[in-house]
Amino acid sequence: MSEAKSVNGYLINQAKDGQWWVDSVGGENIAGPFPSEALAIEVASVLQDQPAAPKRRGKDKS
């Protein structure tokens, strides 16, 4: 296994089976598996984080 590469804020990791994954910095699998590192890098380069949805406000209990 090779050392993880950082692309667009995501980590490109090779699994023990030789497949490639796009992971978050926290270690969560985002996309994959991919047959090549180049394909994983291409996918990571176009990924965009979505902002969290605004929290809903409950009815006032007045």
PDB file of N, CA and C in Angstrom:
ATOM      1  N   MET A   1       0.839  -1.185   0.000  1.00  0.00           N
ATOM      2  CA  MET A   1       0.000   0.000   0.000  1.00  0.00           C
ATOM      3  C   MET A   1       0.880   1.243   0.000  1.00  0.00           C
ATOM      4  N   SER A   2       0.417   2.233  -0.699  1.00  0.00           N
ATOM      5  CA  SER A   2       1.180   3.466  -0.759  1.00  0.00           C
ATOM      6  C   SER A   2       0.611   4.475   0.239  1.00  0.00           C
ATOM      7  N   GLU A   3       1.352   5.554   0.432  1.00  0.00           N
ATOM      8  CA  GLU A   3       0.911   6.609   1.341  1.00  0.00           C
ATOM      9  C   GLU A   3      -0.233   7.388   0.699  1.00  0.00           C
ATOM     10  N   ALA A   4      -1.197   7.827   1.502  1.00  0.00           N
ATOM     11  CA  ALA A   4      -2.365   8.548   0.999  1.00  0.00           C
ATOM     12  C   ALA A   4      -1.953   9.885   0.388  1.00  0.00           C
ATOM     13  N   LYS A   5      -2.610  10.231  -0.722  1.00  0.00           N
ATOM     14  CA  LYS A   5      -2.400  11.523  -1.367  1.00  0.00           C
ATOM     15  C   LYS A   5      -3.606  12.396  -1.073  1.00  0.00           C
ATOM     16  N   SER A   6      -3.370  13.683  -0.930  1.00  0.00           N
ATOM     17  CA  SER A   6      -4.457  14.629  -0.692  1.00  0.00           C
ATOM     18  C   SER A   6      -4.791  15.333  -2.006  1.00  0.00           C
ATOM     19  N   VAL A   7      -6.077  15.266  -2.386  1.00  0.00           N
ATOM     20  CA  VAL A   7      -6.556  15.912  -3.602  1.00  0.00           C
ATOM     21  C   VAL A   7      -7.857  16.618  -3.274  1.00  0.00           C
ATOM     22  N   ASN A   8      -7.889  17.936  -3.423  1.00  0.00           N
ATOM     23  CA  ASN A   8      -9.106  18.718  -3.237  1.00  0.00           C
ATOM     24  C   ASN A   8      -9.693  18.523  -1.828  1.00  0.00           C
ATOM     25  N   GLY A   9      -8.855  18.281  -0.849  1.00  0.00           N
ATOM     26  CA  GLY A   9      -9.321  18.105   0.519  1.00  0.00           C
ATOM     27  C   GLY A   9      -9.735  16.681   0.848  1.00  0.00           C
ATOM     28  N   TYR A  10      -9.543  15.749  -0.070  1.00  0.00           N
ATOM     29  CA  TYR A  10      -9.871  14.338   0.141  1.00  0.00           C
ATOM     30  C   TYR A  10      -8.597  13.524   0.079  1.00  0.00           C
ATOM     31  N   LEU A  11      -8.614  12.365   0.718  1.00  0.00           N
ATOM     32  CA  LEU A  11      -7.446  11.486   0.707  1.00  0.00           C
ATOM     33  C   LEU A  11      -7.677  10.333  -0.253  1.00  0.00           C
ATOM     34  N   ILE A  12      -6.653  10.017  -1.038  1.00  0.00           N
ATOM     35  CA  ILE A  12      -6.695   8.891  -1.964  1.00  0.00           C
ATOM     36  C   ILE A  12      -5.907   7.765  -1.311  1.00  0.00           C
ATOM     37  N   ASN A  13      -6.590   6.650  -1.004  1.00  0.00           N
ATOM     38  CA  ASN A  13      -5.965   5.520  -0.315  1.00  0.00           C
ATOM     39  C   ASN A  13      -6.122   4.246  -1.113  1.00  0.00           C
ATOM     40  N   GLN A  14      -5.120   3.392  -1.024  1.00  0.00           N
ATOM     41  CA  GLN A  14      -5.201   2.082  -1.656  1.00  0.00           C
ATOM     42  C   GLN A  14      -5.526   1.051  -0.585  1.00  0.00           C
ATOM     43  N   ALA A  15      -6.564   0.264  -0.818  1.00  0.00           N
ATOM     44  CA  ALA A  15      -6.958  -0.786   0.111  1.00  0.00           C
ATOM     45  C   ALA A  15      -6.050  -1.999  -0.060  1.00  0.00           C
ATOM     46  N   LYS A  16      -6.156  -2.928   0.867  1.00  0.00           N
ATOM     47  CA  LYS A  16      -5.314  -4.123   0.825  1.00  0.00           C
ATOM     48  C   LYS A  16      -5.552  -4.958  -0.428  1.00  0.00           C
ATOM     49  N   ASP A  17      -6.761  -4.881  -0.999  1.00  0.00           N
ATOM     50  CA  ASP A  17      -7.072  -5.657  -2.198  1.00  0.00           C
ATOM     51  C   ASP A  17      -6.612  -4.979  -3.492  1.00  0.00           C
ATOM     52  N   GLY A  18      -5.951  -3.822  -3.370  1.00  0.00           N
ATOM     53  CA  GLY A  18      -5.425  -3.127  -4.541  1.00  0.00           C
ATOM     54  C   GLY A  18      -6.364  -2.089  -5.119  1.00  0.00           C
ATOM     55  N   GLN A  19      -7.592  -2.017  -4.623  1.00  0.00           N
ATOM     56  CA  GLN A  19      -8.548  -1.030  -5.095  1.00  0.00           C
ATOM     57  C   GLN A  19      -8.244   0.324  -4.455  1.00  0.00           C
ATOM     58  N   TRP A  20      -8.696   1.393  -5.094  1.00  0.00           N
ATOM     59  CA  TRP A  20      -8.452   2.754  -4.617  1.00  0.00           C
ATOM     60  C   TRP A  20      -9.739   3.378  -4.132  1.00  0.00           C
ATOM     61  N   TRP A  21      -9.647   4.164  -3.049  1.00  0.00           N
ATOM     62  CA  TRP A  21     -10.798   4.813  -2.431  1.00  0.00           C
ATOM     63  C   TRP A  21     -10.526   6.293  -2.244  1.00  0.00           C
ATOM     64  N   VAL A  22     -11.606   7.090  -2.304  1.00  0.00           N
ATOM     65  CA  VAL A  22     -11.561   8.504  -1.947  1.00  0.00           C
ATOM     66  C   VAL A  22     -12.154   8.589  -0.546  1.00  0.00           C
ATOM     67  N   ASP A  23     -11.366   9.073   0.414  1.00  0.00           N
ATOM     68  CA  ASP A  23     -11.782   9.154   1.812  1.00  0.00           C
ATOM     69  C   ASP A  23     -11.774  10.602   2.290  1.00  0.00           C
ATOM     70  N   SER A  24     -12.580  10.861   3.319  1.00  0.00           N
ATOM     71  CA  SER A  24     -12.525  12.168   3.970  1.00  0.00           C
ATOM     72  C   SER A  24     -11.301  12.205   4.864  1.00  0.00           C
ATOM     73  N   VAL A  25     -10.944  13.387   5.330  1.00  0.00           N
ATOM     74  CA  VAL A  25      -9.806  13.529   6.232  1.00  0.00           C
ATOM     75  C   VAL A  25     -10.050  12.733   7.517  1.00  0.00           C
ATOM     76  N   GLY A  26     -11.327  12.584   7.889  1.00  0.00           N
ATOM     77  CA  GLY A  26     -11.689  11.830   9.084  1.00  0.00           C
ATOM     78  C   GLY A  26     -11.675  10.326   8.882  1.00  0.00           C
ATOM     79  N   GLY A  27     -11.393   9.853   7.655  1.00  0.00           N
ATOM     80  CA  GLY A  27     -11.291   8.427   7.387  1.00  0.00           C
ATOM     81  C   GLY A  27     -12.552   7.783   6.836  1.00  0.00           C
ATOM     82  N   GLU A  28     -13.599   8.563   6.577  1.00  0.00           N
ATOM     83  CA  GLU A  28     -14.850   8.022   6.048  1.00  0.00           C
ATOM     84  C   GLU A  28     -14.714   7.794   4.542  1.00  0.00           C
ATOM     85  N   ASN A  29     -15.144   6.614   4.060  1.00  0.00           N
ATOM     86  CA  ASN A  29     -15.135   6.343   2.625  1.00  0.00           C
ATOM     87  C   ASN A  29     -16.161   7.236   1.944  1.00  0.00           C
ATOM     88  N   ILE A  30     -15.725   7.998   0.953  1.00  0.00           N
ATOM     89  CA  ILE A  30     -16.597   8.898   0.215  1.00  0.00           C
ATOM     90  C   ILE A  30     -17.003   8.282  -1.117  1.00  0.00           C
ATOM     91  N   ALA A  31     -16.042   7.714  -1.850  1.00  0.00           N
ATOM     92  CA  ALA A  31     -16.324   7.125  -3.151  1.00  0.00           C
ATOM     93  C   ALA A  31     -15.347   5.988  -3.420  1.00  0.00           C
ATOM     94  N   GLY A  32     -15.785   5.030  -4.191  1.00  0.00           N
ATOM     95  CA  GLY A  32     -14.919   3.924  -4.558  1.00  0.00           C
ATOM     96  C   GLY A  32     -15.647   2.608  -4.398  1.00  0.00           C
ATOM     97  N   PRO A  33     -14.995   1.545  -4.712  1.00  0.00           N
ATOM     98  CA  PRO A  33     -13.592   1.426  -5.091  1.00  0.00           C
ATOM     99  C   PRO A  33     -13.370   1.732  -6.572  1.00  0.00           C
ATOM    100  N   PHE A  34     -12.141   2.118  -6.874  1.00  0.00           N
ATOM    101  CA  PHE A  34     -11.724   2.398  -8.243  1.00  0.00           C
ATOM    102  C   PHE A  34     -10.567   1.481  -8.607  1.00  0.00           C
ATOM    103  N   PRO A  35     -10.462   1.078  -9.872  1.00  0.00           N
ATOM    104  CA  PRO A  35      -9.394   0.174 -10.279  1.00  0.00           C
ATOM    105  C   PRO A  35      -8.012   0.830 -10.371  1.00  0.00           C
ATOM    106  N   SER A  36      -7.981   2.171 -10.462  1.00  0.00           N
ATOM    107  CA  SER A  36      -6.679   2.836 -10.577  1.00  0.00           C
ATOM    108  C   SER A  36      -6.638   4.094  -9.718  1.00  0.00           C
ATOM    109  N   GLU A  37      -5.438   4.465  -9.339  1.00  0.00           N
ATOM    110  CA  GLU A  37      -5.238   5.688  -8.564  1.00  0.00           C
ATOM    111  C   GLU A  37      -5.651   6.911  -9.385  1.00  0.00           C
ATOM    112  N   ALA A  38      -5.336   6.902 -10.682  1.00  0.00           N
ATOM    113  CA  ALA A  38      -5.666   8.034 -11.542  1.00  0.00           C
ATOM    114  C   ALA A  38      -7.169   8.294 -11.575  1.00  0.00           C
ATOM    115  N   LEU A  39      -7.964   7.242 -11.599  1.00  0.00           N
ATOM    116  CA  LEU A  39      -9.415   7.403 -11.621  1.00  0.00           C
ATOM    117  C   LEU A  39      -9.915   7.963 -10.291  1.00  0.00           C
ATOM    118  N   ALA A  40      -9.369   7.501  -9.185  1.00  0.00           N
ATOM    119  CA  ALA A  40      -9.749   8.022  -7.868  1.00  0.00           C
ATOM    120  C   ALA A  40      -9.384   9.500  -7.746  1.00  0.00           C
ATOM    121  N   ILE A  41      -8.215   9.871  -8.256  1.00  0.00           N
ATOM    122  CA  ILE A  41      -7.789  11.273  -8.230  1.00  0.00           C
ATOM    123  C   ILE A  41      -8.718  12.137  -9.083  1.00  0.00           C
ATOM    124  N   GLU A  42      -9.122  11.628 -10.239  1.00  0.00           N
ATOM    125  CA  GLU A  42     -10.026  12.376 -11.115  1.00  0.00           C
ATOM    126  C   GLU A  42     -11.368  12.627 -10.430  1.00  0.00           C
ATOM    127  N   VAL A  43     -11.898  11.617  -9.742  1.00  0.00           N
ATOM    128  CA  VAL A  43     -13.170  11.775  -9.035  1.00  0.00           C
ATOM    129  C   VAL A  43     -13.012  12.768  -7.882  1.00  0.00           C
ATOM    130  N   ALA A  44     -11.953  12.636  -7.093  1.00  0.00           N
ATOM    131  CA  ALA A  44     -11.733  13.531  -5.949  1.00  0.00           C
ATOM    132  C   ALA A  44     -11.581  14.976  -6.402  1.00  0.00           C
ATOM    133  N   SER A  45     -11.031  15.191  -7.580  1.00  0.00           N
ATOM    134  CA  SER A  45     -10.787  16.555  -8.040  1.00  0.00           C
ATOM    135  C   SER A  45     -12.073  17.299  -8.367  1.00  0.00           C
ATOM    136  N   VAL A  46     -13.179  16.587  -8.593  1.00  0.00           N
ATOM    137  CA  VAL A  46     -14.439  17.263  -8.919  1.00  0.00           C
ATOM    138  C   VAL A  46     -15.461  17.212  -7.785  1.00  0.00           C
ATOM    139  N   LEU A  47     -15.159  16.535  -6.692  1.00  0.00           N
ATOM    140  CA  LEU A  47     -16.083  16.478  -5.561  1.00  0.00           C
ATOM    141  C   LEU A  47     -16.176  17.836  -4.878  1.00  0.00           C
ATOM    142  N   GLN A  48     -17.360  18.155  -4.382  1.00  0.00           N
ATOM    143  CA  GLN A  48     -17.587  19.390  -3.640  1.00  0.00           C
ATOM    144  C   GLN A  48     -18.370  19.055  -2.384  1.00  0.00           C
ATOM    145  N   ASP A  49     -17.944  19.616  -1.259  1.00  0.00           N
ATOM    146  CA  ASP A  49     -18.698  19.456  -0.022  1.00  0.00           C
ATOM    147  C   ASP A  49     -19.943  20.305  -0.086  1.00  0.00           C
ATOM    148  N   GLN A  50     -21.025  19.759   0.414  1.00  0.00           N
ATOM    149  CA  GLN A  50     -22.271  20.505   0.495  1.00  0.00           C
ATOM    150  C   GLN A  50     -22.400  21.091   1.893  1.00  0.00           C
ATOM    151  N   PRO A  51     -22.812  22.336   1.997  1.00  0.00           N
ATOM    152  CA  PRO A  51     -22.994  22.909   3.336  1.00  0.00           C
ATOM    153  C   PRO A  51     -24.118  22.187   4.069  1.00  0.00           C
ATOM    154  N   ALA A  52     -24.029  22.157   5.369  1.00  0.00           N
ATOM    155  CA  ALA A  52     -25.063  21.512   6.175  1.00  0.00           C
ATOM    156  C   ALA A  52     -26.379  22.261   6.012  1.00  0.00           C
ATOM    157  N   ALA A  53     -27.465  21.514   6.040  1.00  0.00           N
ATOM    158  CA  ALA A  53     -28.782  22.128   5.921  1.00  0.00           C
ATOM    159  C   ALA A  53     -29.054  22.982   7.148  1.00  0.00           C
ATOM    160  N   PRO A  54     -29.766  24.083   6.974  1.00  0.00           N
ATOM    161  CA  PRO A  54     -30.085  24.915   8.143  1.00  0.00           C
ATOM    162  C   PRO A  54     -30.985  24.144   9.106  1.00  0.00           C
ATOM    163  N   LYS A  55     -30.781  24.390  10.387  1.00  0.00           N
ATOM    164  CA  LYS A  55     -31.594  23.701  11.387  1.00  0.00           C
ATOM    165  C   LYS A  55     -32.986  24.300  11.390  1.00  0.00           C
ATOM    166  N   ARG A  56     -33.974  23.431  11.524  1.00  0.00           N
ATOM    167  CA  ARG A  56     -35.359  23.893  11.587  1.00  0.00           C
ATOM    168  C   ARG A  56     -35.650  24.426  12.973  1.00  0.00           C
ATOM    169  N   ARG A  57     -36.408  25.447  13.000  1.00  0.00           N
ATOM    170  CA  ARG A  57     -36.796  26.031  14.272  1.00  0.00           C
ATOM    171  C   ARG A  57     -38.168  25.505  14.653  1.00  0.00           C
ATOM    172  N   GLY A  58     -38.276  25.094  15.894  1.00  0.00           N
ATOM    173  CA  GLY A  58     -39.562  24.608  16.385  1.00  0.00           C
ATOM    174  C   GLY A  58     -40.496  25.764  16.690  1.00  0.00           C
ATOM    175  N   LYS A  59     -41.749  25.435  16.912  1.00  0.00           N
ATOM    176  CA  LYS A  59     -42.721  26.467  17.271  1.00  0.00           C
ATOM    177  C   LYS A  59     -42.392  27.012  18.650  1.00  0.00           C
ATOM    178  N   ASP A  60     -42.562  28.287  18.811  1.00  0.00           N
ATOM    179  CA  ASP A  60     -42.334  28.914  20.118  1.00  0.00           C
ATOM    180  C   ASP A  60     -43.366  28.414  21.113  1.00  0.00           C
ATOM    181  N   LYS A  61     -42.914  28.091  22.289  1.00  0.00           N
ATOM    182  CA  LYS A  61     -43.817  27.602  23.337  1.00  0.00           C
ATOM    183  C   LYS A  61     -44.150  28.745  24.282  1.00  0.00           C
ATOM    184  N   SER A  62     -44.913  29.727  23.796  1.00  0.00           N
ATOM    185  CA  SER A  62     -45.256  30.892  24.607  1.00  0.00           C
ATOM    186  C   SER A  62     -46.616  30.730  25.226  1.00  0.00           C
TER     187      SER A  62
END
